[in-house]
């Protein structure tokens, strides 16, 4: 059975045989769809909720 995992940063699907798997020191496996997502989360420690191209994006409400 083939499993499709979501990207840990953007939330898009990672097709079987593609993407990057990163294993943390505690044994947790984190999967990414591209190098752009891996560098954003691991190297730059960015918040995916602040980028419009991610599925986790949440637009801020305008203060009235």
PDB file of N, CA and C in Angstrom:
ATOM      1  N   UNK A   1       0.849  -1.180   0.000  1.00  0.00           N
ATOM      2  CA  UNK A   1       0.000   0.000   0.000  1.00  0.00           C
ATOM      3  C   UNK A   1       0.894   1.242   0.000  1.00  0.00           C
ATOM      4  N   UNK A   2       0.652   2.108  -0.938  1.00  0.00           N
ATOM      5  CA  UNK A   2       1.427   3.330  -1.072  1.00  0.00           C
ATOM      6  C   UNK A   2       0.796   4.418  -0.212  1.00  0.00           C
ATOM      7  N   UNK A   3       1.639   5.103   0.586  1.00  0.00           N
ATOM      8  CA  UNK A   3       1.140   6.179   1.441  1.00  0.00           C
ATOM      9  C   UNK A   3       1.608   7.514   0.904  1.00  0.00           C
ATOM     10  N   UNK A   4       0.720   8.478   0.942  1.00  0.00           N
ATOM     11  CA  UNK A   4       1.056   9.839   0.550  1.00  0.00           C
ATOM     12  C   UNK A   4       1.062  10.675   1.821  1.00  0.00           C
ATOM     13  N   UNK A   5       2.196  11.325   2.092  1.00  0.00           N
ATOM     14  CA  UNK A   5       2.351  12.113   3.303  1.00  0.00           C
ATOM     15  C   UNK A   5       2.218  13.599   2.986  1.00  0.00           C
ATOM     16  N   UNK A   6       1.731  14.391   3.941  1.00  0.00           N
ATOM     17  CA  UNK A   6       1.720  15.839   3.725  1.00  0.00           C
ATOM     18  C   UNK A   6       3.094  16.428   4.047  1.00  0.00           C
ATOM     19  N   UNK A   7       3.433  17.493   3.359  1.00  0.00           N
ATOM     20  CA  UNK A   7       4.689  18.199   3.624  1.00  0.00           C
ATOM     21  C   UNK A   7       4.586  18.850   5.003  1.00  0.00           C
ATOM     22  N   UNK A   8       5.659  18.792   5.782  1.00  0.00           N
ATOM     23  CA  UNK A   8       5.650  19.338   7.135  1.00  0.00           C
ATOM     24  C   UNK A   8       5.571  20.856   7.144  1.00  0.00           C
ATOM     25  N   UNK A   9       5.974  21.512   6.049  1.00  0.00           N
ATOM     26  CA  UNK A   9       5.948  22.973   6.024  1.00  0.00           C
ATOM     27  C   UNK A   9       4.714  23.510   5.294  1.00  0.00           C
ATOM     28  N   UNK A  10       4.543  23.138   4.035  1.00  0.00           N
ATOM     29  CA  UNK A  10       3.473  23.761   3.244  1.00  0.00           C
ATOM     30  C   UNK A  10       2.160  22.986   3.293  1.00  0.00           C
ATOM     31  N   UNK A  11       2.187  21.707   3.612  1.00  0.00           N
ATOM     32  CA  UNK A  11       0.961  20.935   3.703  1.00  0.00           C
ATOM     33  C   UNK A  11       0.545  20.244   2.412  1.00  0.00           C
ATOM     34  N   UNK A  12       1.281  20.441   1.313  1.00  0.00           N
ATOM     35  CA  UNK A  12       0.963  19.775   0.053  1.00  0.00           C
ATOM     36  C   UNK A  12       1.381  18.314   0.119  1.00  0.00           C
ATOM     37  N   UNK A  13       0.814  17.489  -0.754  1.00  0.00           N
ATOM     38  CA  UNK A  13       1.106  16.060  -0.752  1.00  0.00           C
ATOM     39  C   UNK A  13       2.502  15.777  -1.283  1.00  0.00           C
ATOM     40  N   UNK A  14       3.168  14.798  -0.653  1.00  0.00           N
ATOM     41  CA  UNK A  14       4.476  14.330  -1.106  1.00  0.00           C
ATOM     42  C   UNK A  14       4.242  12.975  -1.754  1.00  0.00           C
ATOM     43  N   UNK A  15       4.417  12.920  -3.065  1.00  0.00           N
ATOM     44  CA  UNK A  15       4.192  11.680  -3.805  1.00  0.00           C
ATOM     45  C   UNK A  15       5.256  10.642  -3.458  1.00  0.00           C
ATOM     46  N   UNK A  16       4.931   9.349  -3.544  1.00  0.00           N
ATOM     47  CA  UNK A  16       5.916   8.304  -3.264  1.00  0.00           C
ATOM     48  C   UNK A  16       7.109   8.398  -4.210  1.00  0.00           C
ATOM     49  N   UNK A  17       8.303   8.281  -3.662  1.00  0.00           N
ATOM     50  CA  UNK A  17       9.523   8.353  -4.456  1.00  0.00           C
ATOM     51  C   UNK A  17      10.032   9.759  -4.682  1.00  0.00           C
ATOM     52  N   UNK A  18       9.354  10.757  -4.116  1.00  0.00           N
ATOM     53  CA  UNK A  18       9.788  12.138  -4.271  1.00  0.00           C
ATOM     54  C   UNK A  18       9.941  12.761  -2.897  1.00  0.00           C
ATOM     55  N   UNK A  19      10.460  13.968  -2.858  1.00  0.00           N
ATOM     56  CA  UNK A  19      10.558  14.687  -1.598  1.00  0.00           C
ATOM     57  C   UNK A  19      11.795  14.339  -0.793  1.00  0.00           C
ATOM     58  N   UNK A  20      11.857  14.914   0.401  1.00  0.00           N
ATOM     59  CA  UNK A  20      12.996  14.767   1.291  1.00  0.00           C
ATOM     60  C   UNK A  20      12.492  14.323   2.659  1.00  0.00           C
ATOM     61  N   UNK A  21      13.137  13.300   3.232  1.00  0.00           N
ATOM     62  CA  UNK A  21      12.813  12.865   4.584  1.00  0.00           C
ATOM     63  C   UNK A  21      13.935  13.329   5.510  1.00  0.00           C
ATOM     64  N   UNK A  22      13.562  13.913   6.629  1.00  0.00           N
ATOM     65  CA  UNK A  22      14.522  14.401   7.608  1.00  0.00           C
ATOM     66  C   UNK A  22      14.208  13.726   8.932  1.00  0.00           C
ATOM     67  N   UNK A  23      15.201  13.090   9.551  1.00  0.00           N
ATOM     68  CA  UNK A  23      15.007  12.408  10.822  1.00  0.00           C
ATOM     69  C   UNK A  23      15.649  13.243  11.917  1.00  0.00           C
ATOM     70  N   UNK A  24      14.837  13.674  12.865  1.00  0.00           N
ATOM     71  CA  UNK A  24      15.347  14.485  13.972  1.00  0.00           C
ATOM     72  C   UNK A  24      16.050  13.605  15.000  1.00  0.00           C
ATOM     73  N   UNK A  25      16.744  14.220  15.941  1.00  0.00           N
ATOM     74  CA  UNK A  25      17.500  13.478  16.952  1.00  0.00           C
ATOM     75  C   UNK A  25      16.606  12.616  17.832  1.00  0.00           C
ATOM     76  N   UNK A  26      15.345  13.023  18.002  1.00  0.00           N
ATOM     77  CA  UNK A  26      14.432  12.252  18.836  1.00  0.00           C
ATOM     78  C   UNK A  26      13.751  11.119  18.064  1.00  0.00           C
ATOM     79  N   UNK A  27      14.088  10.939  16.783  1.00  0.00           N
ATOM     80  CA  UNK A  27      13.562   9.850  15.984  1.00  0.00           C
ATOM     81  C   UNK A  27      12.340  10.213  15.156  1.00  0.00           C
ATOM     82  N   UNK A  28      11.855  11.423  15.276  1.00  0.00           N
ATOM     83  CA  UNK A  28      10.681  11.855  14.519  1.00  0.00           C
ATOM     84  C   UNK A  28      11.068  12.075  13.051  1.00  0.00           C
ATOM     85  N   UNK A  29      10.277  11.504  12.131  1.00  0.00           N
ATOM     86  CA  UNK A  29      10.527  11.658  10.704  1.00  0.00           C
ATOM     87  C   UNK A  29       9.674  12.807  10.187  1.00  0.00           C
ATOM     88  N   UNK A  30      10.336  13.783   9.554  1.00  0.00           N
ATOM     89  CA  UNK A  30       9.659  14.947   8.995  1.00  0.00           C
ATOM     90  C   UNK A  30       9.854  14.886   7.492  1.00  0.00           C
ATOM     91  N   UNK A  31       8.763  14.990   6.728  1.00  0.00           N
ATOM     92  CA  UNK A  31       8.843  14.881   5.270  1.00  0.00           C
ATOM     93  C   UNK A  31       8.549  16.231   4.616  1.00  0.00           C
ATOM     94  N   UNK A  32       9.314  16.525   3.562  1.00  0.00           N
ATOM     95  CA  UNK A  32       9.170  17.780   2.836  1.00  0.00           C
ATOM     96  C   UNK A  32       8.990  17.493   1.353  1.00  0.00           C
ATOM     97  N   UNK A  33       8.253  18.374   0.670  1.00  0.00           N
ATOM     98  CA  UNK A  33       8.029  18.200  -0.770  1.00  0.00           C
ATOM     99  C   UNK A  33       9.165  18.779  -1.591  1.00  0.00           C
ATOM    100  N   UNK A  34       9.905  19.740  -1.040  1.00  0.00           N
ATOM    101  CA  UNK A  34      10.974  20.382  -1.802  1.00  0.00           C
ATOM    102  C   UNK A  34      12.054  20.910  -0.860  1.00  0.00           C
ATOM    103  N   UNK A  35      13.162  21.323  -1.479  1.00  0.00           N
ATOM    104  CA  UNK A  35      14.247  21.907  -0.706  1.00  0.00           C
ATOM    105  C   UNK A  35      13.825  23.252  -0.123  1.00  0.00           C
ATOM    106  N   UNK A  36      12.981  23.955  -0.835  1.00  0.00           N
ATOM    107  CA  UNK A  36      12.468  25.247  -0.370  1.00  0.00           C
ATOM    108  C   UNK A  36      11.756  25.091   0.975  1.00  0.00           C
ATOM    109  N   UNK A  37      10.946  24.052   1.106  1.00  0.00           N
ATOM    110  CA  UNK A  37      10.226  23.807   2.359  1.00  0.00           C
ATOM    111  C   UNK A  37      11.167  23.362   3.465  1.00  0.00           C
ATOM    112  N   UNK A  38      12.128  22.501   3.133  1.00  0.00           N
ATOM    113  CA  UNK A  38      13.076  22.013   4.149  1.00  0.00           C
ATOM    114  C   UNK A  38      13.901  23.160   4.714  1.00  0.00           C
ATOM    115  N   UNK A  39      14.445  24.004   3.852  1.00  0.00           N
ATOM    116  CA  UNK A  39      15.265  25.125   4.321  1.00  0.00           C
ATOM    117  C   UNK A  39      14.440  26.125   5.120  1.00  0.00           C
ATOM    118  N   UNK A  40      13.189  26.332   4.716  1.00  0.00           N
ATOM    119  CA  UNK A  40      12.337  27.287   5.415  1.00  0.00           C
ATOM    120  C   UNK A  40      12.068  26.841   6.849  1.00  0.00           C
ATOM    121  N   UNK A  41      11.814  25.552   7.040  1.00  0.00           N
ATOM    122  CA  UNK A  41      11.480  25.058   8.378  1.00  0.00           C
ATOM    123  C   UNK A  41      12.718  24.757   9.220  1.00  0.00           C
ATOM    124  N   UNK A  42      13.657  24.011   8.677  1.00  0.00           N
ATOM    125  CA  UNK A  42      14.813  23.552   9.455  1.00  0.00           C
ATOM    126  C   UNK A  42      15.865  24.655   9.612  1.00  0.00           C
ATOM    127  N   UNK A  43      16.291  25.252   8.512  1.00  0.00           N
ATOM    128  CA  UNK A  43      17.397  26.207   8.559  1.00  0.00           C
ATOM    129  C   UNK A  43      16.966  27.596   9.023  1.00  0.00           C
ATOM    130  N   UNK A  44      15.855  28.094   8.468  1.00  0.00           N
ATOM    131  CA  UNK A  44      15.436  29.463   8.757  1.00  0.00           C
ATOM    132  C   UNK A  44      14.387  29.564   9.860  1.00  0.00           C
ATOM    133  N   UNK A  45      13.813  28.420  10.277  1.00  0.00           N
ATOM    134  CA  UNK A  45      12.817  28.361  11.363  1.00  0.00           C
ATOM    135  C   UNK A  45      11.644  29.326  11.105  1.00  0.00           C
ATOM    136  N   UNK A  46      11.134  29.280   9.875  1.00  0.00           N
ATOM    137  CA  UNK A  46      10.026  30.147   9.492  1.00  0.00           C
ATOM    138  C   UNK A  46       8.691  29.547   9.910  1.00  0.00           C
ATOM    139  N   UNK A  47       7.697  30.406  10.049  1.00  0.00           N
ATOM    140  CA  UNK A  47       6.348  29.992  10.411  1.00  0.00           C
ATOM    141  C   UNK A  47       5.519  29.836   9.132  1.00  0.00           C
ATOM    142  N   UNK A  48       5.033  28.627   8.814  1.00  0.00           N
ATOM    143  CA  UNK A  48       4.301  28.427   7.561  1.00  0.00           C
ATOM    144  C   UNK A  48       2.985  29.199   7.486  1.00  0.00           C
ATOM    145  N   UNK A  49       2.483  29.669   8.600  1.00  0.00           N
ATOM    146  CA  UNK A  49       1.221  30.413   8.590  1.00  0.00           C
ATOM    147  C   UNK A  49       1.375  31.810   8.007  1.00  0.00           C
ATOM    148  N   UNK A  50       2.619  32.263   7.801  1.00  0.00           N
ATOM    149  CA  UNK A  50       2.865  33.608   7.298  1.00  0.00           C
ATOM    150  C   UNK A  50       3.100  33.672   5.792  1.00  0.00           C
ATOM    151  N   UNK A  51       3.082  32.526   5.092  1.00  0.00           N
ATOM    152  CA  UNK A  51       3.363  32.490   3.663  1.00  0.00           C
ATOM    153  C   UNK A  51       2.122  32.082   2.884  1.00  0.00           C
ATOM    154  N   UNK A  52       1.776  32.874   1.878  1.00  0.00           N
ATOM    155  CA  UNK A  52       0.555  32.651   1.116  1.00  0.00           C
ATOM    156  C   UNK A  52       0.587  31.379   0.291  1.00  0.00           C
ATOM    157  N   UNK A  53       1.766  30.875  -0.067  1.00  0.00           N
ATOM    158  CA  UNK A  53       1.856  29.697  -0.926  1.00  0.00           C
ATOM    159  C   UNK A  53       1.691  28.384  -0.149  1.00  0.00           C
ATOM    160  N   UNK A  54       1.532  28.440   1.176  1.00  0.00           N
ATOM    161  CA  UNK A  54       1.317  27.230   1.960  1.00  0.00           C
ATOM    162  C   UNK A  54      -0.167  27.024   2.226  1.00  0.00           C
ATOM    163  N   UNK A  55      -0.548  25.790   2.501  1.00  0.00           N
ATOM    164  CA  UNK A  55      -1.932  25.495   2.857  1.00  0.00           C
ATOM    165  C   UNK A  55      -2.237  25.915   4.290  1.00  0.00           C
ATOM    166  N   UNK A  56      -1.197  26.130   5.081  1.00  0.00           N
ATOM    167  CA  UNK A  56      -1.356  26.507   6.483  1.00  0.00           C
ATOM    168  C   UNK A  56      -1.468  28.017   6.678  1.00  0.00           C
ATOM    169  N   UNK A  57      -1.502  28.769   5.576  1.00  0.00           N
ATOM    170  CA  UNK A  57      -1.575  30.232   5.628  1.00  0.00           C
ATOM    171  C   UNK A  57      -2.884  30.683   6.264  1.00  0.00           C
ATOM    172  N   UNK A  58      -2.783  31.626   7.210  1.00  0.00           N
ATOM    173  CA  UNK A  58      -3.972  32.205   7.833  1.00  0.00           C
ATOM    174  C   UNK A  58      -3.886  33.715   7.708  1.00  0.00           C
ATOM    175  N   UNK A  59      -4.732  34.306   6.877  1.00  0.00           N
ATOM    176  CA  UNK A  59      -4.690  35.759   6.718  1.00  0.00           C
ATOM    177  C   UNK A  59      -5.122  36.453   8.007  1.00  0.00           C
ATOM    178  N   UNK A  60      -4.464  37.546   8.304  1.00  0.00           N
ATOM    179  CA  UNK A  60      -4.785  38.289   9.526  1.00  0.00           C
ATOM    180  C   UNK A  60      -6.035  39.111   9.306  1.00  0.00           C
ATOM    181  N   UNK A  61      -6.822  39.203  10.337  1.00  0.00           N
ATOM    182  CA  UNK A  61      -8.046  40.001  10.267  1.00  0.00           C
ATOM    183  C   UNK A  61      -7.681  41.479  10.386  1.00  0.00           C
ATOM    184  N   UNK A  62      -8.366  42.315   9.618  1.00  0.00           N
ATOM    185  CA  UNK A  62      -8.120  43.755   9.705  1.00  0.00           C
ATOM    186  C   UNK A  62      -8.740  44.307  10.983  1.00  0.00           C
ATOM    187  N   UNK A  63      -7.986  45.122  11.677  1.00  0.00           N
ATOM    188  CA  UNK A  63      -8.489  45.749  12.904  1.00  0.00           C
ATOM    189  C   UNK A  63      -9.370  46.940  12.512  1.00  0.00           C
ATOM    190  N   UNK A  64     -10.587  46.966  13.036  1.00  0.00           N
ATOM    191  CA  UNK A  64     -11.492  48.071  12.720  1.00  0.00           C
ATOM    192  C   UNK A  64     -11.867  48.822  13.966  1.00  0.00           C
TER     193      UNK A  64
END
